[in-house]
Amino acid sequence: MEYKRIHLPLKYDFFPTLKCVSPENYDTTKEVDEEISKHLKNGWRIVSTTPITGSRAMDEKGLSFMNAENVYTYTIAIEVFLVKE
């Protein structure tokens, strides 16, 4: 059995006044999608996906501080696990 792990990074925008984080696709997202598609066509199958998270503390002005009142936890990437038997 063969195994592959493919990393799909995400970028994100912070909106401190709305108290939210918005994940977005990177410029490389299409390339990673094409790589996954190629593997699926060649007999690989996805057995698992895992979100990779990060966090950041910010004040209302969007500045990062250790003691900031707003802590954002968000997905920074997705790991895609594939196998081929």
N, C-alpha and C. Protein backbone atom coordinates (compact mmCIF):
# COMPACT_ATOMS: atom_id res chain seq x y z
N MET A 1 0.84 -1.17 0.00
CA MET A 1 0.00 0.00 0.00
C MET A 1 0.89 1.24 0.00
N GLU A 2 0.51 2.22 -0.81
CA GLU A 2 1.22 3.50 -0.85
C GLU A 2 0.40 4.56 -0.11
N TYR A 3 1.09 5.57 0.38
CA TYR A 3 0.46 6.61 1.18
C TYR A 3 0.96 7.98 0.75
N LYS A 4 0.07 8.95 0.72
CA LYS A 4 0.45 10.34 0.43
C LYS A 4 -0.32 11.27 1.37
N ARG A 5 0.34 12.37 1.72
CA ARG A 5 -0.33 13.44 2.46
C ARG A 5 -0.13 14.72 1.66
N ILE A 6 -1.22 15.40 1.36
CA ILE A 6 -1.17 16.62 0.58
C ILE A 6 -1.68 17.77 1.45
N HIS A 7 -0.91 18.84 1.47
CA HIS A 7 -1.21 20.01 2.30
C HIS A 7 -1.92 21.07 1.45
N LEU A 8 -3.10 21.48 1.88
CA LEU A 8 -3.88 22.50 1.18
C LEU A 8 -3.94 23.74 2.08
N PRO A 9 -3.04 24.71 1.85
CA PRO A 9 -3.02 25.91 2.70
C PRO A 9 -4.19 26.84 2.41
N LEU A 10 -4.62 27.56 3.44
CA LEU A 10 -5.65 28.57 3.29
C LEU A 10 -5.11 29.90 3.79
N LYS A 11 -5.55 30.98 3.19
CA LYS A 11 -5.23 32.29 3.73
C LYS A 11 -6.50 32.80 4.40
N TYR A 12 -6.38 33.86 5.13
CA TYR A 12 -7.52 34.31 5.90
C TYR A 12 -7.46 35.82 6.09
N ASP A 13 -8.61 36.40 6.26
CA ASP A 13 -8.73 37.82 6.57
C ASP A 13 -9.35 37.96 7.95
N PHE A 14 -8.79 38.86 8.75
CA PHE A 14 -9.34 39.15 10.07
C PHE A 14 -10.26 40.35 9.98
N PHE A 15 -11.38 40.27 10.67
CA PHE A 15 -12.32 41.38 10.76
C PHE A 15 -12.59 41.64 12.24
N PRO A 16 -11.66 42.35 12.91
CA PRO A 16 -11.80 42.54 14.35
C PRO A 16 -13.10 43.23 14.77
N THR A 17 -13.57 44.18 13.99
CA THR A 17 -14.80 44.88 14.37
C THR A 17 -16.01 43.95 14.29
N LEU A 18 -15.95 42.95 13.40
CA LEU A 18 -17.03 41.96 13.29
C LEU A 18 -16.77 40.74 14.16
N LYS A 19 -15.56 40.67 14.72
CA LYS A 19 -15.13 39.55 15.56
C LYS A 19 -15.23 38.22 14.80
N CYS A 20 -14.65 38.21 13.59
CA CYS A 20 -14.66 36.99 12.81
C CYS A 20 -13.41 36.88 11.93
N VAL A 21 -13.18 35.68 11.43
CA VAL A 21 -12.09 35.38 10.51
C VAL A 21 -12.71 34.74 9.29
N SER A 22 -12.24 35.14 8.11
CA SER A 22 -12.78 34.59 6.87
C SER A 22 -11.68 33.84 6.12
N PRO A 23 -11.77 32.48 6.04
CA PRO A 23 -10.77 31.74 5.27
C PRO A 23 -11.01 31.92 3.78
N GLU A 24 -9.92 31.91 3.02
CA GLU A 24 -10.00 32.05 1.57
C GLU A 24 -9.00 31.11 0.93
N ASN A 25 -9.20 30.85 -0.34
CA ASN A 25 -8.25 30.03 -1.09
C ASN A 25 -6.98 30.81 -1.38
N TYR A 26 -5.86 30.10 -1.36
CA TYR A 26 -4.58 30.66 -1.77
C TYR A 26 -4.49 30.63 -3.29
N ASP A 27 -3.48 31.29 -3.83
CA ASP A 27 -3.24 31.21 -5.27
C ASP A 27 -2.91 29.78 -5.69
N THR A 28 -2.34 29.00 -4.77
CA THR A 28 -1.93 27.62 -5.08
C THR A 28 -3.06 26.60 -4.91
N THR A 29 -4.23 27.04 -4.46
CA THR A 29 -5.33 26.12 -4.21
C THR A 29 -5.70 25.32 -5.46
N LYS A 30 -5.77 25.98 -6.60
CA LYS A 30 -6.14 25.30 -7.85
C LYS A 30 -5.11 24.23 -8.19
N GLU A 31 -3.82 24.53 -7.98
CA GLU A 31 -2.77 23.55 -8.26
C GLU A 31 -2.90 22.33 -7.35
N VAL A 32 -3.18 22.56 -6.09
CA VAL A 32 -3.35 21.44 -5.14
C VAL A 32 -4.58 20.63 -5.51
N ASP A 33 -5.68 21.29 -5.87
CA ASP A 33 -6.89 20.59 -6.31
C ASP A 33 -6.59 19.71 -7.53
N GLU A 34 -5.81 20.24 -8.47
CA GLU A 34 -5.45 19.46 -9.66
C GLU A 34 -4.59 18.26 -9.30
N GLU A 35 -3.68 18.44 -8.34
CA GLU A 35 -2.84 17.32 -7.88
C GLU A 35 -3.70 16.23 -7.25
N ILE A 36 -4.64 16.61 -6.41
CA ILE A 36 -5.54 15.63 -5.78
C ILE A 36 -6.36 14.93 -6.85
N SER A 37 -6.90 15.67 -7.81
CA SER A 37 -7.69 15.09 -8.89
C SER A 37 -6.87 14.08 -9.70
N LYS A 38 -5.60 14.43 -9.99
CA LYS A 38 -4.72 13.53 -10.74
C LYS A 38 -4.54 12.21 -9.98
N HIS A 39 -4.32 12.30 -8.68
CA HIS A 39 -4.14 11.09 -7.88
C HIS A 39 -5.41 10.23 -7.85
N LEU A 40 -6.56 10.88 -7.75
CA LEU A 40 -7.82 10.12 -7.74
C LEU A 40 -8.03 9.39 -9.06
N LYS A 41 -7.67 10.03 -10.17
CA LYS A 41 -7.79 9.38 -11.48
C LYS A 41 -6.81 8.22 -11.65
N ASN A 42 -5.71 8.24 -10.87
CA ASN A 42 -4.69 7.19 -10.97
C ASN A 42 -4.84 6.13 -9.89
N GLY A 43 -6.03 6.00 -9.32
CA GLY A 43 -6.30 4.90 -8.41
C GLY A 43 -6.11 5.20 -6.93
N TRP A 44 -5.73 6.39 -6.59
CA TRP A 44 -5.62 6.76 -5.18
C TRP A 44 -7.01 7.05 -4.65
N ARG A 45 -7.18 6.92 -3.33
CA ARG A 45 -8.45 7.32 -2.73
C ARG A 45 -8.18 8.10 -1.45
N ILE A 46 -9.04 9.04 -1.19
CA ILE A 46 -8.92 9.85 0.03
C ILE A 46 -9.47 9.04 1.18
N VAL A 47 -8.67 8.90 2.24
CA VAL A 47 -9.12 8.15 3.40
C VAL A 47 -9.41 9.06 4.59
N SER A 48 -8.89 10.28 4.54
CA SER A 48 -9.13 11.20 5.65
C SER A 48 -8.74 12.62 5.25
N THR A 49 -9.39 13.58 5.87
CA THR A 49 -8.98 14.98 5.79
C THR A 49 -8.95 15.52 7.21
N THR A 50 -8.01 16.42 7.47
CA THR A 50 -7.86 16.98 8.81
C THR A 50 -7.64 18.49 8.71
N PRO A 51 -8.44 19.27 9.43
CA PRO A 51 -8.17 20.70 9.45
C PRO A 51 -6.98 21.00 10.37
N ILE A 52 -6.14 21.92 9.96
CA ILE A 52 -5.03 22.41 10.77
C ILE A 52 -5.44 23.79 11.26
N THR A 53 -5.42 24.01 12.56
CA THR A 53 -5.91 25.27 13.10
C THR A 53 -4.78 26.14 13.65
N GLY A 54 -5.07 27.41 13.73
CA GLY A 54 -4.18 28.39 14.34
C GLY A 54 -5.03 29.33 15.16
N SER A 55 -4.40 30.15 15.96
CA SER A 55 -5.17 31.15 16.71
C SER A 55 -4.36 32.43 16.83
N ARG A 56 -5.07 33.50 17.09
CA ARG A 56 -4.44 34.81 17.18
C ARG A 56 -5.25 35.70 18.12
N ALA A 57 -4.57 36.43 18.96
CA ALA A 57 -5.23 37.36 19.87
C ALA A 57 -5.11 38.76 19.30
N MET A 58 -6.24 39.48 19.25
CA MET A 58 -6.24 40.83 18.66
C MET A 58 -7.13 41.75 19.48
N ASP A 59 -6.78 43.04 19.44
CA ASP A 59 -7.66 44.03 20.06
C ASP A 59 -8.66 44.54 19.02
N GLU A 60 -9.48 45.46 19.39
CA GLU A 60 -10.53 45.97 18.48
C GLU A 60 -9.98 46.68 17.25
N LYS A 61 -8.73 47.16 17.31
CA LYS A 61 -8.12 47.85 16.18
C LYS A 61 -7.42 46.88 15.23
N GLY A 62 -7.42 45.60 15.57
CA GLY A 62 -6.77 44.61 14.72
C GLY A 62 -5.31 44.40 15.05
N LEU A 63 -4.85 44.95 16.16
CA LEU A 63 -3.45 44.78 16.55
C LEU A 63 -3.30 43.56 17.43
N SER A 64 -2.23 42.80 17.23
CA SER A 64 -1.99 41.59 18.00
C SER A 64 -1.36 41.93 19.35
N PHE A 65 -1.91 41.38 20.39
CA PHE A 65 -1.39 41.55 21.73
C PHE A 65 -1.52 40.26 22.51
N MET A 66 -0.61 40.03 23.42
CA MET A 66 -0.67 38.83 24.25
C MET A 66 -1.91 38.83 25.14
N ASN A 67 -2.34 39.99 25.61
CA ASN A 67 -3.48 40.08 26.53
C ASN A 67 -4.73 40.64 25.86
N ALA A 68 -4.83 40.48 24.56
CA ALA A 68 -5.99 41.02 23.84
C ALA A 68 -7.26 40.28 24.26
N GLU A 69 -8.37 40.97 24.18
CA GLU A 69 -9.63 40.37 24.63
C GLU A 69 -10.26 39.44 23.60
N ASN A 70 -9.89 39.57 22.35
CA ASN A 70 -10.47 38.72 21.31
C ASN A 70 -9.44 37.70 20.82
N VAL A 71 -9.77 36.43 20.97
CA VAL A 71 -8.90 35.36 20.48
C VAL A 71 -9.65 34.65 19.36
N TYR A 72 -9.00 34.57 18.21
CA TYR A 72 -9.59 33.95 17.03
C TYR A 72 -8.91 32.60 16.78
N THR A 73 -9.69 31.57 16.63
CA THR A 73 -9.18 30.26 16.22
C THR A 73 -9.76 29.98 14.85
N TYR A 74 -8.91 29.56 13.92
CA TYR A 74 -9.35 29.44 12.53
C TYR A 74 -8.56 28.33 11.83
N THR A 75 -9.07 27.88 10.71
CA THR A 75 -8.42 26.84 9.92
C THR A 75 -7.37 27.49 9.02
N ILE A 76 -6.11 27.04 9.14
CA ILE A 76 -5.04 27.60 8.31
C ILE A 76 -4.68 26.68 7.14
N ALA A 77 -5.14 25.42 7.21
CA ALA A 77 -4.83 24.47 6.14
C ALA A 77 -5.69 23.22 6.33
N ILE A 78 -5.70 22.40 5.30
CA ILE A 78 -6.34 21.09 5.36
C ILE A 78 -5.32 20.06 4.88
N GLU A 79 -5.17 19.00 5.64
CA GLU A 79 -4.31 17.89 5.23
C GLU A 79 -5.21 16.83 4.61
N VAL A 80 -4.86 16.38 3.43
CA VAL A 80 -5.61 15.34 2.72
C VAL A 80 -4.75 14.08 2.69
N PHE A 81 -5.27 13.00 3.22
CA PHE A 81 -4.54 11.73 3.29
C PHE A 81 -5.10 10.78 2.24
N LEU A 82 -4.20 10.24 1.39
CA LEU A 82 -4.61 9.32 0.32
C LEU A 82 -3.84 8.01 0.43
N VAL A 83 -4.47 6.93 -0.03
CA VAL A 83 -3.79 5.64 -0.13
C VAL A 83 -4.07 5.03 -1.49
N LYS A 84 -3.15 4.16 -1.88
CA LYS A 84 -3.32 3.40 -3.13
C LYS A 84 -2.89 1.98 -2.82
N GLU A 85 -3.79 1.04 -3.07
CA GLU A 85 -3.49 -0.37 -2.76
C GLU A 85 -2.94 -1.10 -3.96
